[in-house]
């Protein structure tokens, strides 16, 4: 089961995340669940696989805000990099860049 300590082991800045949720742990975990289960993760993956970088940017940008507000740093940092690369229309293997984000997100969701 996901706990504050377990989140910290993953590198989540729980102090910041909790502060944004008025230090209410139950509320923070509810927001984490909603954020991590956000269907934009699946949409982002779909658009990256399809090579639809315009739509992928929109999803990545939206998710960046969600995970940033929840202080899910180990997802926020690489997602920010992907977002900025998409914004700049860089020719990269976005599917490979997204893979560790998906793996961590799936791990966190499984522990909720």
Protein backbone atom coordinates (compact mmCIF):
# COMPACT_ATOMS: atom_id res chain seq x y z
CA UNK A 1 0.00 0.00 0.00
CA UNK A 2 1.23 3.45 -0.88
CA UNK A 3 2.30 5.56 2.08
CA UNK A 4 4.10 8.85 2.57
CA UNK A 5 7.28 6.92 3.29
CA UNK A 6 6.89 4.78 0.16
CA UNK A 7 6.29 7.88 -1.97
CA UNK A 8 9.45 9.41 -0.53
CA UNK A 9 11.38 6.25 -1.49
CA UNK A 10 10.26 6.87 -5.07
CA UNK A 11 11.50 10.45 -4.85
CA UNK A 12 8.14 12.19 -4.49
CA UNK A 13 8.38 15.53 -2.67
CA UNK A 14 5.61 14.69 -0.21
CA UNK A 15 6.23 17.77 1.91
CA UNK A 16 5.46 20.02 -1.04
CA UNK A 17 2.56 17.86 -2.23
CA UNK A 18 0.99 17.77 1.21
CA UNK A 19 1.40 21.52 1.60
CA UNK A 20 -0.57 22.02 -1.61
CA UNK A 21 -3.30 19.84 -0.11
CA UNK A 22 -3.48 21.83 3.13
CA UNK A 23 -1.41 19.11 4.86
CA UNK A 24 -4.39 16.79 4.71
CA UNK A 25 -2.90 13.36 3.98
CA UNK A 26 -6.19 11.72 3.04
CA UNK A 27 -6.94 14.52 0.58
CA UNK A 28 -3.42 14.29 -0.86
CA UNK A 29 -3.81 10.57 -1.50
CA UNK A 30 -7.18 11.13 -3.11
CA UNK A 31 -5.64 13.74 -5.41
CA UNK A 32 -2.71 11.40 -6.12
CA UNK A 33 -5.15 8.70 -7.18
CA UNK A 34 -7.02 11.06 -9.46
CA UNK A 35 -3.79 12.45 -10.91
CA UNK A 36 -2.09 9.12 -11.50
CA UNK A 37 -5.22 7.59 -13.01
CA UNK A 38 -5.68 10.56 -15.34
CA UNK A 39 -6.50 9.25 -18.81
CA UNK A 40 -4.10 11.77 -20.32
CA UNK A 41 -1.30 9.30 -19.55
CA UNK A 42 -2.88 6.78 -21.92
CA UNK A 43 -3.70 9.44 -24.48
CA UNK A 44 -0.12 10.71 -24.39
CA UNK A 45 1.22 7.23 -25.01
CA UNK A 46 -1.24 6.68 -27.87
CA UNK A 47 -0.31 9.96 -29.57
CA UNK A 48 3.41 9.29 -29.15
CA UNK A 49 3.07 5.83 -30.70
CA UNK A 50 1.04 7.31 -33.57
CA UNK A 51 3.58 10.10 -34.04
CA UNK A 52 0.92 12.75 -33.44
CA UNK A 53 3.29 15.16 -31.70
CA UNK A 54 0.85 18.09 -31.65
CA UNK A 55 -1.70 16.16 -29.60
CA UNK A 56 1.08 14.51 -27.57
CA UNK A 57 2.30 17.98 -26.59
CA UNK A 58 -1.18 18.96 -25.36
CA UNK A 59 -1.43 15.84 -23.18
CA UNK A 60 2.14 16.13 -21.88
CA UNK A 61 1.63 19.78 -21.01
CA UNK A 62 -1.58 19.04 -19.12
CA UNK A 63 0.01 16.14 -17.23
CA UNK A 64 3.02 18.24 -16.35
CA UNK A 65 0.70 20.55 -14.43
CA UNK A 66 -1.06 17.69 -12.67
CA UNK A 67 2.07 15.85 -11.53
CA UNK A 68 3.79 19.15 -10.72
CA UNK A 69 0.99 20.20 -8.39
CA UNK A 70 1.19 16.83 -6.65
CA UNK A 71 5.00 17.07 -6.46
CA UNK A 72 5.52 13.71 -8.17
CA UNK A 73 9.07 14.75 -9.00
CA UNK A 74 10.29 11.50 -10.60
CA UNK A 75 7.52 11.81 -13.18
CA UNK A 76 7.47 15.61 -13.37
CA UNK A 77 11.12 16.05 -14.35
CA UNK A 78 11.20 13.67 -17.35
CA UNK A 79 7.70 14.72 -18.38
CA UNK A 80 8.85 18.35 -18.38
CA UNK A 81 11.75 17.38 -20.63
CA UNK A 82 9.39 15.60 -23.02
CA UNK A 83 6.98 18.55 -22.98
CA UNK A 84 9.71 21.03 -23.86
CA UNK A 85 11.12 18.77 -26.58
CA UNK A 86 7.65 18.40 -28.08
CA UNK A 87 7.15 22.16 -27.89
CA UNK A 88 10.43 22.63 -29.80
CA UNK A 89 9.39 19.89 -32.26
CA UNK A 90 12.62 17.97 -31.70
CA UNK A 91 13.04 14.71 -33.56
CA UNK A 92 13.38 12.20 -30.69
CA UNK A 93 12.27 8.70 -29.79
CA UNK A 94 9.46 9.91 -27.54
CA UNK A 95 8.07 6.42 -26.98
CA UNK A 96 11.39 5.37 -25.41
CA UNK A 97 11.53 8.57 -23.35
CA UNK A 98 7.98 7.97 -22.11
CA UNK A 99 8.58 4.32 -21.11
CA UNK A 100 10.14 4.99 -17.65
CA UNK A 101 7.38 7.49 -16.87
CA UNK A 102 4.74 4.91 -17.73
CA UNK A 103 6.49 2.23 -15.69
CA UNK A 104 6.67 4.41 -12.57
CA UNK A 105 3.12 5.65 -13.00
CA UNK A 106 1.88 2.06 -13.34
CA UNK A 107 3.87 1.03 -10.26
CA UNK A 108 2.41 3.87 -8.19
CA UNK A 109 -1.13 3.15 -9.37
CA UNK A 110 -0.74 -0.53 -8.47
CA UNK A 111 0.25 0.46 -4.93
CA UNK A 112 -2.59 2.94 -4.37
